[in-house]
Amino acid sequence: MALEQRKTLIIGSGCFGLSTALALLKRGWTDVTVIDRSSILPAPDGASNDLNRTLRGPVGMNINLQINQR
């Protein structure tokens, strides 16, 4: 039985938006559209790119301990 295909619109081309689109495509979705208000990537005011950097990659526990001890 073929998968039911739905049109999918993802708003935002940051880390979460693009990784969601990639995951859907890897699972066989074919009609995935990503839009963003910025005309350049990465968006200068995006959560993973702006000065506040509200989205960060994971840091190991040992590194956190070393930083806290300084």
Protein backbone atom coordinates (compact mmCIF):
# COMPACT_ATOMS: atom_id res chain seq x y z
CA MET A 1 0.00 0.00 0.00
CA ALA A 2 1.41 3.39 -0.98
CA LEU A 3 1.85 6.09 1.63
CA GLU A 4 -0.73 8.84 1.52
CA GLN A 5 1.06 11.98 0.32
CA ARG A 6 0.21 15.33 1.82
CA LYS A 7 1.50 18.76 0.94
CA THR A 8 3.79 19.94 3.72
CA LEU A 9 4.77 23.55 4.39
CA ILE A 10 7.57 24.25 6.86
CA ILE A 11 7.88 27.84 8.01
CA GLY A 12 11.46 28.74 8.87
CA SER A 13 14.68 27.50 7.32
CA GLY A 14 16.73 27.37 10.49
CA CYS A 15 18.10 24.27 12.18
CA PHE A 16 14.70 22.85 13.07
CA GLY A 17 12.97 23.69 9.79
CA LEU A 18 15.65 22.27 7.52
CA SER A 19 16.25 19.18 9.64
CA THR A 20 12.50 18.50 9.67
CA ALA A 21 12.36 18.83 5.89
CA LEU A 22 15.33 16.50 5.48
CA ALA A 23 13.80 13.91 7.81
CA LEU A 24 10.52 13.96 5.87
CA LEU A 25 12.30 13.57 2.53
CA LYS A 26 14.33 10.65 3.87
CA ARG A 27 11.04 9.01 4.91
CA GLY A 28 9.69 9.24 1.37
CA TRP A 29 7.69 12.46 1.51
CA THR A 30 7.85 14.17 -1.88
CA ASP A 31 5.88 17.42 -1.53
CA VAL A 32 7.81 19.37 1.13
CA THR A 33 8.20 23.15 0.89
CA VAL A 34 10.33 25.30 3.20
CA ILE A 35 9.82 29.07 3.35
CA ASP A 36 11.63 31.75 5.30
CA ARG A 37 11.18 35.51 5.55
CA SER A 38 14.88 36.08 4.90
CA SER A 39 16.22 36.05 1.35
CA ILE A 40 19.68 34.95 2.54
CA LEU A 41 20.74 31.88 4.49
CA PRO A 42 21.38 31.67 7.30
CA ALA A 43 18.90 34.35 8.31
CA PRO A 44 20.81 37.06 10.20
CA ASP A 45 18.15 37.19 12.92
CA GLY A 46 17.53 33.45 13.18
CA ALA A 47 17.56 31.76 16.59
CA SER A 48 20.60 29.69 15.66
CA ASN A 49 22.52 32.56 14.06
CA ASP A 50 21.80 35.86 15.83
CA LEU A 51 23.82 37.45 18.62
CA ASN A 52 21.79 35.78 21.37
CA ARG A 53 22.38 32.27 20.01
CA THR A 54 19.34 30.82 21.72
CA LEU A 55 19.97 27.49 20.02
CA ARG A 56 23.28 25.81 20.68
CA GLY A 57 24.79 22.45 20.00
CA PRO A 58 25.28 19.97 22.84
CA VAL A 59 28.39 20.25 24.96
CA GLY A 60 29.81 17.26 26.85
CA MET A 61 29.65 17.08 30.63
CA ASN A 62 33.44 17.02 31.04
CA ILE A 63 33.80 20.29 29.17
CA ASN A 64 31.08 21.89 31.31
CA LEU A 65 32.89 20.79 34.48
CA GLN A 66 36.21 22.19 33.24
CA ILE A 67 34.63 25.53 32.34
CA ASN A 68 32.86 25.79 35.70
CA GLN A 69 36.07 25.07 37.60
CA ARG A 70 37.93 27.99 35.99
